[in-house]
Amino acid sequence: MAKKTLDITTREQLDVYMNPQRQRLLHEMQVLAQPATCKQLADAMGISASSVTHHMKKLESLGLVELDHTEVIRGITARYWRAVPTDVSLRANEGGDLQEEKMFLVDYLNQQVFAGLRTYAASDAVEREKELGLAHGELLSGVMYLTEDAAREFQDVVRAFVEKYDQPQEGTVPWEFSVACYPHRSFPE
């Protein structure tokens, strides 16, 4: 299925999308990578099924989740939901009256990735994976010196790589990532 794009342009859309529980729910659905019931998601997240149902309706209104199928289990119809492959564009660089909230959401999403990296780094997994010669989580940061062509190439390579691996495939496990790059400028304070 082709990925769709959702442009967040209204306060209502942003209010639905930036809710922390909904972000956790979308994250859990991405990691599970298979349709799940509200009960299954609630158990995984440690919240009530009714709360998940409420948030699913909100996410459905944005087209970020949809009903995949239903099954009758012990006389009860279970509804299985799936995340719709979507690129969400906050248009954070366009300013406007939603700019502060959009940047708050960007900060929150990056903090979630780094919180996961801290938990991972505190475990013994990193050393064990290194000893086995396996890929392991790490944080790379610093400064690169790029021409305009090299900067465009870097962005294109990263984007193409992410698009190639943004759906689960046999033998894969989810890896979380956050990539930020920008040209350094002296900005007025």
N, C-alpha and C. Protein backbone atom coordinates (compact mmCIF):
# COMPACT_ATOMS: atom_id res chain seq x y z
N MET A 1 0.84 -1.18 0.00
CA MET A 1 0.00 0.00 0.00
C MET A 1 0.89 1.24 0.00
N ALA A 2 0.57 2.18 -0.88
CA ALA A 2 1.33 3.42 -0.98
C ALA A 2 1.10 4.27 0.26
N LYS A 3 2.14 4.97 0.64
CA LYS A 3 2.04 5.86 1.79
C LYS A 3 1.28 7.11 1.40
N LYS A 4 0.44 7.56 2.30
CA LYS A 4 -0.25 8.82 2.05
C LYS A 4 0.43 9.90 2.87
N THR A 5 0.09 11.15 2.60
CA THR A 5 0.64 12.28 3.34
C THR A 5 -0.50 13.01 4.02
N LEU A 6 -0.30 13.34 5.27
CA LEU A 6 -1.25 14.14 6.02
C LEU A 6 -0.57 15.46 6.37
N ASP A 7 -1.09 16.55 5.85
CA ASP A 7 -0.59 17.88 6.19
C ASP A 7 -1.39 18.40 7.38
N ILE A 8 -0.69 18.65 8.48
CA ILE A 8 -1.33 19.22 9.66
C ILE A 8 -1.38 20.74 9.46
N THR A 9 -2.57 21.25 9.19
CA THR A 9 -2.71 22.67 8.89
C THR A 9 -3.67 23.40 9.82
N THR A 10 -4.47 22.66 10.60
CA THR A 10 -5.45 23.32 11.47
C THR A 10 -5.18 22.99 12.93
N ARG A 11 -5.67 23.84 13.80
CA ARG A 11 -5.52 23.61 15.24
C ARG A 11 -6.20 22.30 15.63
N GLU A 12 -7.37 21.99 15.04
CA GLU A 12 -8.09 20.76 15.38
C GLU A 12 -7.25 19.53 15.04
N GLN A 13 -6.65 19.52 13.85
CA GLN A 13 -5.79 18.41 13.46
C GLN A 13 -4.60 18.28 14.42
N LEU A 14 -3.98 19.41 14.72
CA LEU A 14 -2.81 19.38 15.59
C LEU A 14 -3.18 18.91 16.99
N ASP A 15 -4.33 19.37 17.51
CA ASP A 15 -4.77 18.94 18.83
C ASP A 15 -4.99 17.43 18.88
N VAL A 16 -5.55 16.86 17.82
CA VAL A 16 -5.75 15.41 17.77
C VAL A 16 -4.40 14.70 17.70
N TYR A 17 -3.53 15.17 16.81
CA TYR A 17 -2.27 14.47 16.54
C TYR A 17 -1.27 14.58 17.68
N MET A 18 -1.18 15.72 18.34
CA MET A 18 -0.09 15.92 19.30
C MET A 18 -0.38 15.37 20.70
N ASN A 19 -1.53 14.77 20.92
CA ASN A 19 -1.84 14.19 22.22
C ASN A 19 -0.82 13.09 22.55
N PRO A 20 -0.17 13.16 23.71
CA PRO A 20 0.87 12.18 24.04
C PRO A 20 0.38 10.72 24.05
N GLN A 21 -0.84 10.47 24.51
CA GLN A 21 -1.36 9.09 24.51
C GLN A 21 -1.55 8.60 23.07
N ARG A 22 -1.98 9.49 22.19
CA ARG A 22 -2.16 9.09 20.79
C ARG A 22 -0.81 8.84 20.13
N GLN A 23 0.18 9.63 20.50
CA GLN A 23 1.52 9.39 19.98
C GLN A 23 2.04 8.03 20.46
N ARG A 24 1.81 7.72 21.73
CA ARG A 24 2.21 6.40 22.27
C ARG A 24 1.47 5.28 21.54
N LEU A 25 0.19 5.50 21.28
CA LEU A 25 -0.63 4.50 20.61
C LEU A 25 -0.14 4.27 19.18
N LEU A 26 0.13 5.33 18.44
CA LEU A 26 0.67 5.19 17.09
C LEU A 26 2.02 4.47 17.11
N HIS A 27 2.84 4.82 18.09
CA HIS A 27 4.15 4.18 18.23
C HIS A 27 3.99 2.68 18.48
N GLU A 28 3.10 2.33 19.40
CA GLU A 28 2.88 0.91 19.74
C GLU A 28 2.39 0.15 18.51
N MET A 29 1.51 0.76 17.73
CA MET A 29 0.99 0.11 16.53
C MET A 29 2.10 -0.08 15.49
N GLN A 30 3.00 0.90 15.38
CA GLN A 30 4.11 0.77 14.44
C GLN A 30 5.05 -0.35 14.86
N VAL A 31 5.33 -0.43 16.15
CA VAL A 31 6.24 -1.47 16.65
C VAL A 31 5.61 -2.85 16.49
N LEU A 32 4.30 -2.97 16.81
CA LEU A 32 3.61 -4.26 16.65
C LEU A 32 3.59 -4.71 15.19
N ALA A 33 3.39 -3.75 14.30
CA ALA A 33 3.41 -3.99 12.85
C ALA A 33 2.39 -5.03 12.40
N GLN A 34 1.28 -5.12 13.13
CA GLN A 34 0.19 -6.01 12.72
C GLN A 34 -1.10 -5.48 13.34
N PRO A 35 -2.23 -5.79 12.74
CA PRO A 35 -3.50 -5.32 13.31
C PRO A 35 -3.67 -5.80 14.75
N ALA A 36 -4.28 -4.94 15.57
CA ALA A 36 -4.47 -5.26 16.99
C ALA A 36 -5.80 -4.70 17.47
N THR A 37 -6.34 -5.31 18.50
CA THR A 37 -7.57 -4.83 19.11
C THR A 37 -7.22 -3.73 20.12
N CYS A 38 -8.24 -2.96 20.49
CA CYS A 38 -8.03 -1.94 21.52
C CYS A 38 -7.59 -2.58 22.83
N LYS A 39 -8.10 -3.76 23.13
CA LYS A 39 -7.72 -4.47 24.35
C LYS A 39 -6.24 -4.86 24.31
N GLN A 40 -5.79 -5.39 23.18
CA GLN A 40 -4.38 -5.76 23.05
C GLN A 40 -3.47 -4.53 23.21
N LEU A 41 -3.87 -3.43 22.59
CA LEU A 41 -3.08 -2.21 22.69
C LEU A 41 -3.10 -1.65 24.11
N ALA A 42 -4.27 -1.72 24.75
CA ALA A 42 -4.39 -1.25 26.13
C ALA A 42 -3.49 -2.05 27.05
N ASP A 43 -3.47 -3.37 26.89
CA ASP A 43 -2.61 -4.21 27.72
C ASP A 43 -1.14 -3.87 27.51
N ALA A 44 -0.75 -3.64 26.26
CA ALA A 44 0.65 -3.32 25.96
C ALA A 44 1.05 -1.96 26.52
N MET A 45 0.09 -1.03 26.58
CA MET A 45 0.40 0.32 27.02
C MET A 45 0.10 0.56 28.50
N GLY A 46 -0.61 -0.37 29.12
CA GLY A 46 -0.94 -0.20 30.53
C GLY A 46 -2.01 0.84 30.79
N ILE A 47 -2.95 0.98 29.85
CA ILE A 47 -4.08 1.90 30.02
C ILE A 47 -5.37 1.14 29.74
N SER A 48 -6.51 1.78 29.94
CA SER A 48 -7.79 1.09 29.76
C SER A 48 -8.14 0.95 28.28
N ALA A 49 -8.88 -0.10 27.97
CA ALA A 49 -9.34 -0.32 26.60
C ALA A 49 -10.27 0.79 26.15
N SER A 50 -11.06 1.33 27.08
CA SER A 50 -11.97 2.42 26.70
C SER A 50 -11.17 3.67 26.32
N SER A 51 -10.05 3.90 26.98
CA SER A 51 -9.19 5.03 26.63
C SER A 51 -8.61 4.83 25.23
N VAL A 52 -8.15 3.61 24.95
CA VAL A 52 -7.61 3.32 23.62
C VAL A 52 -8.70 3.51 22.57
N THR A 53 -9.90 3.04 22.83
CA THR A 53 -11.01 3.19 21.89
C THR A 53 -11.26 4.66 21.59
N HIS A 54 -11.28 5.48 22.64
CA HIS A 54 -11.46 6.93 22.47
C HIS A 54 -10.38 7.51 21.56
N HIS A 55 -9.13 7.17 21.82
CA HIS A 55 -8.02 7.71 21.04
C HIS A 55 -8.03 7.17 19.61
N MET A 56 -8.45 5.92 19.43
CA MET A 56 -8.52 5.35 18.08
C MET A 56 -9.52 6.12 17.21
N LYS A 57 -10.64 6.51 17.79
CA LYS A 57 -11.64 7.29 17.04
C LYS A 57 -11.06 8.63 16.59
N LYS A 58 -10.29 9.24 17.47
CA LYS A 58 -9.66 10.52 17.12
C LYS A 58 -8.63 10.32 16.00
N LEU A 59 -7.81 9.28 16.12
CA LEU A 59 -6.81 9.00 15.09
C LEU A 59 -7.46 8.61 13.77
N GLU A 60 -8.58 7.90 13.86
CA GLU A 60 -9.32 7.51 12.65
C GLU A 60 -9.82 8.76 11.92
N SER A 61 -10.20 9.80 12.68
CA SER A 61 -10.69 11.03 12.06
C SER A 61 -9.62 11.71 11.20
N LEU A 62 -8.35 11.46 11.52
CA LEU A 62 -7.24 12.00 10.72
C LEU A 62 -6.80 11.03 9.63
N GLY A 63 -7.36 9.82 9.62
CA GLY A 63 -6.97 8.82 8.64
C GLY A 63 -5.67 8.11 8.98
N LEU A 64 -5.24 8.17 10.25
CA LEU A 64 -3.98 7.55 10.66
C LEU A 64 -4.14 6.09 11.06
N VAL A 65 -5.35 5.69 11.41
CA VAL A 65 -5.66 4.28 11.70
C VAL A 65 -6.95 3.93 10.98
N GLU A 66 -7.12 2.64 10.74
CA GLU A 66 -8.37 2.19 10.14
C GLU A 66 -8.67 0.77 10.59
N LEU A 67 -9.94 0.42 10.50
CA LEU A 67 -10.35 -0.93 10.85
C LEU A 67 -9.79 -1.88 9.81
N ASP A 68 -9.07 -2.89 10.25
CA ASP A 68 -8.48 -3.88 9.35
C ASP A 68 -9.47 -5.02 9.11
N HIS A 69 -9.99 -5.58 10.22
CA HIS A 69 -10.96 -6.67 10.12
C HIS A 69 -11.61 -6.90 11.47
N THR A 70 -12.63 -7.72 11.48
CA THR A 70 -13.27 -8.11 12.74
C THR A 70 -13.24 -9.63 12.84
N GLU A 71 -13.27 -10.12 14.08
CA GLU A 71 -13.33 -11.56 14.35
C GLU A 71 -14.29 -11.76 15.52
N VAL A 72 -15.08 -12.82 15.45
CA VAL A 72 -15.94 -13.17 16.57
C VAL A 72 -15.15 -14.12 17.47
N ILE A 73 -14.93 -13.66 18.71
CA ILE A 73 -14.16 -14.43 19.69
C ILE A 73 -15.06 -14.64 20.90
N ARG A 74 -15.41 -15.90 21.18
CA ARG A 74 -16.31 -16.25 22.29
C ARG A 74 -17.57 -15.39 22.29
N GLY A 75 -18.14 -15.22 21.11
CA GLY A 75 -19.40 -14.50 20.97
C GLY A 75 -19.27 -12.98 20.94
N ILE A 76 -18.05 -12.46 21.05
CA ILE A 76 -17.84 -11.01 21.03
C ILE A 76 -17.09 -10.65 19.75
N THR A 77 -17.54 -9.61 19.09
CA THR A 77 -16.88 -9.16 17.86
C THR A 77 -15.68 -8.28 18.23
N ALA A 78 -14.52 -8.78 17.90
CA ALA A 78 -13.28 -8.04 18.15
C ALA A 78 -12.93 -7.25 16.89
N ARG A 79 -12.62 -5.97 17.09
CA ARG A 79 -12.26 -5.09 15.98
C ARG A 79 -10.74 -4.93 15.98
N TYR A 80 -10.11 -5.28 14.86
CA TYR A 80 -8.67 -5.19 14.71
C TYR A 80 -8.33 -3.94 13.90
N TRP A 81 -7.51 -3.09 14.50
CA TRP A 81 -7.12 -1.84 13.89
C TRP A 81 -5.70 -1.93 13.36
N ARG A 82 -5.41 -1.14 12.35
CA ARG A 82 -4.05 -1.06 11.83
C ARG A 82 -3.69 0.40 11.58
N ALA A 83 -2.42 0.68 11.70
CA ALA A 83 -1.92 2.02 11.39
C ALA A 83 -1.85 2.15 9.87
N VAL A 84 -2.30 3.27 9.37
CA VAL A 84 -2.24 3.54 7.93
C VAL A 84 -0.87 4.16 7.64
N PRO A 85 -0.11 3.58 6.70
CA PRO A 85 1.21 4.17 6.38
C PRO A 85 1.04 5.62 5.93
N THR A 86 1.55 6.53 6.74
CA THR A 86 1.33 7.95 6.51
C THR A 86 2.58 8.76 6.84
N ASP A 87 2.93 9.66 5.95
CA ASP A 87 3.92 10.69 6.27
C ASP A 87 3.15 11.88 6.79
N VAL A 88 3.44 12.29 8.01
CA VAL A 88 2.76 13.43 8.61
C VAL A 88 3.66 14.64 8.45
N SER A 89 3.14 15.66 7.81
CA SER A 89 3.88 16.91 7.62
C SER A 89 3.32 17.96 8.56
N LEU A 90 4.16 18.40 9.48
CA LEU A 90 3.75 19.44 10.41
C LEU A 90 3.89 20.83 9.80
N ARG A 91 4.64 20.91 8.72
CA ARG A 91 4.93 22.21 8.11
C ARG A 91 5.47 23.18 9.19
N ALA A 92 6.37 22.64 10.01
CA ALA A 92 6.89 23.39 11.15
C ALA A 92 7.71 24.60 10.73
N ASN A 93 8.21 24.60 9.51
CA ASN A 93 9.04 25.72 9.06
C ASN A 93 8.22 26.86 8.47
N GLU A 94 6.89 26.72 8.46
CA GLU A 94 6.05 27.75 7.86
C GLU A 94 5.58 28.80 8.85
N GLY A 95 5.91 28.65 10.11
CA GLY A 95 5.50 29.64 11.11
C GLY A 95 4.01 29.58 11.37
N GLY A 96 3.43 30.71 11.63
CA GLY A 96 2.00 30.79 11.89
C GLY A 96 1.68 30.62 13.36
N ASP A 97 0.38 30.66 13.66
CA ASP A 97 -0.05 30.63 15.05
C ASP A 97 0.11 29.26 15.71
N LEU A 98 0.40 28.23 14.94
CA LEU A 98 0.58 26.88 15.49
C LEU A 98 2.05 26.51 15.67
N GLN A 99 2.94 27.45 15.33
CA GLN A 99 4.38 27.16 15.33
C GLN A 99 4.88 26.63 16.67
N GLU A 100 4.51 27.27 17.75
CA GLU A 100 5.01 26.86 19.07
C GLU A 100 4.57 25.44 19.41
N GLU A 101 3.30 25.11 19.16
CA GLU A 101 2.80 23.76 19.45
C GLU A 101 3.47 22.72 18.56
N LYS A 102 3.69 23.07 17.30
CA LYS A 102 4.35 22.14 16.38
C LYS A 102 5.78 21.84 16.84
N MET A 103 6.50 22.87 17.28
CA MET A 103 7.87 22.66 17.75
C MET A 103 7.87 21.87 19.05
N PHE A 104 6.87 22.07 19.90
CA PHE A 104 6.73 21.27 21.11
C PHE A 104 6.58 19.79 20.74
N LEU A 105 5.77 19.50 19.74
CA LEU A 105 5.57 18.12 19.30
C LEU A 105 6.86 17.53 18.74
N VAL A 106 7.59 18.30 17.94
CA VAL A 106 8.88 17.83 17.41
C VAL A 106 9.82 17.50 18.56
N ASP A 107 9.89 18.38 19.56
CA ASP A 107 10.73 18.12 20.74
C ASP A 107 10.30 16.83 21.44
N TYR A 108 8.99 16.67 21.63
CA TYR A 108 8.46 15.49 22.32
C TYR A 108 8.84 14.21 21.57
N LEU A 109 8.65 14.20 20.26
CA LEU A 109 8.95 13.00 19.47
C LEU A 109 10.43 12.65 19.54
N ASN A 110 11.30 13.66 19.45
CA ASN A 110 12.73 13.40 19.57
C ASN A 110 13.10 12.93 20.96
N GLN A 111 12.48 13.49 21.99
CA GLN A 111 12.75 13.07 23.36
C GLN A 111 12.37 11.60 23.56
N GLN A 112 11.30 11.16 22.92
CA GLN A 112 10.88 9.77 23.05
C GLN A 112 11.92 8.83 22.44
N VAL A 113 12.48 9.21 21.29
CA VAL A 113 13.52 8.38 20.68
C VAL A 113 14.74 8.34 21.59
N PHE A 114 15.15 9.48 22.12
CA PHE A 114 16.34 9.51 22.98
C PHE A 114 16.10 8.81 24.31
N ALA A 115 14.88 8.86 24.82
CA ALA A 115 14.57 8.12 26.05
C ALA A 115 14.72 6.62 25.80
N GLY A 116 14.27 6.16 24.66
CA GLY A 116 14.44 4.75 24.30
C GLY A 116 15.91 4.39 24.15
N LEU A 117 16.69 5.29 23.56
CA LEU A 117 18.13 5.05 23.41
C LEU A 117 18.82 4.98 24.77
N ARG A 118 18.42 5.85 25.70
CA ARG A 118 19.01 5.81 27.05
C ARG A 118 18.70 4.48 27.73
N THR A 119 17.45 4.02 27.61
CA THR A 119 17.08 2.74 28.22
C THR A 119 17.88 1.61 27.61
N TYR A 120 17.99 1.62 26.29
CA TYR A 120 18.76 0.61 25.57
C TYR A 120 20.23 0.64 26.01
N ALA A 121 20.80 1.84 26.06
CA ALA A 121 22.22 1.98 26.42
C ALA A 121 22.50 1.54 27.84
N ALA A 122 21.51 1.68 28.72
CA ALA A 122 21.69 1.28 30.12
C ALA A 122 21.62 -0.24 30.30
N SER A 123 21.11 -0.93 29.29
CA SER A 123 21.04 -2.40 29.37
C SER A 123 22.38 -2.98 28.96
N ASP A 124 22.51 -4.28 29.07
CA ASP A 124 23.76 -4.91 28.63
C ASP A 124 23.71 -5.28 27.16
N ALA A 125 22.65 -4.87 26.46
CA ALA A 125 22.47 -5.25 25.05
C ALA A 125 23.57 -4.69 24.16
N VAL A 126 23.99 -3.46 24.39
CA VAL A 126 24.98 -2.83 23.51
C VAL A 126 26.28 -3.63 23.51
N GLU A 127 26.82 -3.92 24.68
CA GLU A 127 28.08 -4.66 24.74
C GLU A 127 27.94 -6.07 24.17
N ARG A 128 26.82 -6.72 24.48
CA ARG A 128 26.59 -8.07 23.95
C ARG A 128 26.53 -8.05 22.42
N GLU A 129 25.83 -7.05 21.86
CA GLU A 129 25.72 -6.95 20.40
C GLU A 129 27.07 -6.62 19.77
N LYS A 130 27.85 -5.75 20.42
CA LYS A 130 29.19 -5.44 19.92
C LYS A 130 30.06 -6.69 19.91
N GLU A 131 30.03 -7.45 21.02
CA GLU A 131 30.83 -8.67 21.12
C GLU A 131 30.47 -9.68 20.03
N LEU A 132 29.19 -9.71 19.67
CA LEU A 132 28.73 -10.64 18.63
C LEU A 132 28.92 -10.08 17.23
N GLY A 133 29.42 -8.86 17.13
CA GLY A 133 29.62 -8.25 15.83
C GLY A 133 28.32 -7.81 15.17
N LEU A 134 27.28 -7.58 15.98
CA LEU A 134 25.98 -7.19 15.45
C LEU A 134 25.84 -5.67 15.40
N ALA A 135 24.93 -5.22 14.58
CA ALA A 135 24.59 -3.80 14.58
C ALA A 135 24.03 -3.46 15.95
N HIS A 136 24.32 -2.27 16.42
CA HIS A 136 23.85 -1.86 17.74
C HIS A 136 23.45 -0.39 17.70
N GLY A 137 22.64 0.01 18.66
CA GLY A 137 22.20 1.39 18.72
C GLY A 137 23.33 2.31 19.09
N GLU A 138 23.29 3.51 18.55
CA GLU A 138 24.29 4.51 18.88
C GLU A 138 23.76 5.88 18.49
N LEU A 139 24.40 6.89 19.00
CA LEU A 139 24.06 8.26 18.65
C LEU A 139 25.27 8.88 17.98
N LEU A 140 25.07 9.37 16.78
CA LEU A 140 26.11 10.10 16.07
C LEU A 140 25.71 11.56 16.06
N SER A 141 26.63 12.42 16.43
CA SER A 141 26.34 13.85 16.35
C SER A 141 27.65 14.58 16.08
N GLY A 142 27.53 15.73 15.57
CA GLY A 142 28.72 16.52 15.27
C GLY A 142 28.42 17.49 14.14
N VAL A 143 29.46 17.85 13.44
CA VAL A 143 29.35 18.79 12.34
C VAL A 143 29.95 18.15 11.11
N MET A 144 29.23 18.24 10.00
CA MET A 144 29.77 17.83 8.70
C MET A 144 29.93 19.09 7.86
N TYR A 145 30.85 19.09 6.93
CA TYR A 145 31.07 20.22 6.04
C TYR A 145 30.64 19.79 4.65
N LEU A 146 29.52 20.35 4.21
CA LEU A 146 28.89 19.88 2.98
C LEU A 146 28.68 21.02 1.99
N THR A 147 28.88 20.69 0.73
CA THR A 147 28.45 21.61 -0.32
C THR A 147 26.94 21.47 -0.46
N GLU A 148 26.33 22.35 -1.19
CA GLU A 148 24.89 22.25 -1.42
C GLU A 148 24.54 20.90 -2.06
N ASP A 149 25.35 20.46 -3.02
CA ASP A 149 25.09 19.17 -3.66
C ASP A 149 25.25 18.01 -2.67
N ALA A 150 26.26 18.07 -1.83
CA ALA A 150 26.48 17.00 -0.85
C ALA A 150 25.35 16.99 0.19
N ALA A 151 24.88 18.16 0.60
CA ALA A 151 23.77 18.23 1.56
C ALA A 151 22.51 17.61 0.95
N ARG A 152 22.24 17.94 -0.29
CA ARG A 152 21.07 17.37 -0.97
C ARG A 152 21.23 15.85 -1.10
N GLU A 153 22.45 15.39 -1.44
CA GLU A 153 22.70 13.95 -1.54
C GLU A 153 22.47 13.25 -0.20
N PHE A 154 22.97 13.84 0.88
CA PHE A 154 22.78 13.27 2.21
C PHE A 154 21.29 13.13 2.52
N GLN A 155 20.53 14.19 2.30
CA GLN A 155 19.08 14.13 2.55
C GLN A 155 18.41 13.08 1.68
N ASP A 156 18.78 13.01 0.41
CA ASP A 156 18.17 12.04 -0.49
C ASP A 156 18.50 10.60 -0.09
N VAL A 157 19.75 10.36 0.32
CA VAL A 157 20.17 9.01 0.73
C VAL A 157 19.40 8.59 1.99
N VAL A 158 19.33 9.48 2.98
CA VAL A 158 18.62 9.15 4.22
C VAL A 158 17.14 8.90 3.92
N ARG A 159 16.52 9.79 3.16
CA ARG A 159 15.10 9.65 2.84
C ARG A 159 14.83 8.33 2.09
N ALA A 160 15.67 8.01 1.11
CA ALA A 160 15.49 6.78 0.34
C ALA A 160 15.67 5.54 1.23
N PHE A 161 16.64 5.58 2.12
CA PHE A 161 16.88 4.46 3.03
C PHE A 161 15.68 4.24 3.94
N VAL A 162 15.17 5.34 4.53
CA VAL A 162 14.00 5.24 5.41
C VAL A 162 12.80 4.69 4.65
N GLU A 163 12.56 5.21 3.46
CA GLU A 163 11.42 4.73 2.66
C GLU A 163 11.56 3.25 2.31
N LYS A 164 12.77 2.80 2.07
CA LYS A 164 13.00 1.40 1.72
C LYS A 164 12.67 0.46 2.87
N TYR A 165 12.88 0.92 4.10
CA TYR A 165 12.73 0.05 5.27
C TYR A 165 11.64 0.51 6.24
N ASP A 166 10.67 1.29 5.77
CA ASP A 166 9.66 1.80 6.70
C ASP A 166 8.47 0.86 6.91
N GLN A 167 8.52 -0.31 6.31
CA GLN A 167 7.48 -1.32 6.52
C GLN A 167 8.14 -2.62 6.97
N PRO A 168 7.47 -3.37 7.86
CA PRO A 168 8.08 -4.63 8.32
C PRO A 168 8.24 -5.62 7.17
N GLN A 169 9.32 -6.36 7.23
CA GLN A 169 9.60 -7.43 6.27
C GLN A 169 10.06 -8.64 7.06
N GLU A 170 10.00 -9.79 6.44
CA GLU A 170 10.42 -11.01 7.12
C GLU A 170 11.86 -10.88 7.60
N GLY A 171 12.07 -11.26 8.86
CA GLY A 171 13.41 -11.24 9.44
C GLY A 171 13.85 -9.89 9.96
N THR A 172 12.94 -8.91 10.01
CA THR A 172 13.33 -7.60 10.49
C THR A 172 12.77 -7.34 11.88
N VAL A 173 13.41 -6.42 12.59
CA VAL A 173 12.92 -5.94 13.88
C VAL A 173 12.87 -4.41 13.79
N PRO A 174 11.98 -3.78 14.55
CA PRO A 174 11.91 -2.32 14.49
C PRO A 174 13.14 -1.65 15.11
N TRP A 175 13.66 -0.67 14.43
CA TRP A 175 14.72 0.20 14.93
C TRP A 175 14.15 1.60 14.99
N GLU A 176 14.34 2.28 16.09
CA GLU A 176 13.86 3.65 16.19
C GLU A 176 14.97 4.60 15.75
N PHE A 177 14.56 5.73 15.16
CA PHE A 177 15.56 6.67 14.69
C PHE A 177 15.01 8.09 14.77
N SER A 178 15.92 9.02 14.75
CA SER A 178 15.60 10.44 14.64
C SER A 178 16.79 11.06 13.92
N VAL A 179 16.53 11.75 12.85
CA VAL A 179 17.60 12.37 12.08
C VAL A 179 17.31 13.86 11.99
N ALA A 180 18.25 14.65 12.39
CA ALA A 180 18.12 16.11 12.26
C ALA A 180 19.38 16.62 11.59
N CYS A 181 19.21 17.43 10.60
CA CYS A 181 20.37 18.06 9.97
C CYS A 181 19.92 19.43 9.45
N TYR A 182 20.81 20.37 9.54
CA TYR A 182 20.48 21.72 9.09
C TYR A 182 21.78 22.48 8.86
N PRO A 183 21.74 23.48 7.99
CA PRO A 183 22.95 24.29 7.79
C PRO A 183 23.15 25.23 8.95
N HIS A 184 24.33 25.23 9.51
CA HIS A 184 24.63 26.09 10.66
C HIS A 184 24.69 27.54 10.17
N ARG A 185 24.02 28.38 10.88
CA ARG A 185 24.04 29.81 10.60
C ARG A 185 24.16 30.53 11.94
N SER A 186 24.68 31.72 11.91
CA SER A 186 24.66 32.54 13.12
C SER A 186 23.31 33.23 13.16
N PHE A 187 22.48 32.78 14.09
CA PHE A 187 21.12 33.32 14.19
C PHE A 187 21.08 34.44 15.21
N PRO A 188 20.30 35.48 14.93
CA PRO A 188 20.15 36.56 15.92
C PRO A 188 19.46 36.02 17.16
N GLU A 189 19.85 36.53 18.32
CA GLU A 189 19.25 36.06 19.58
C GLU A 189 17.99 36.79 19.89
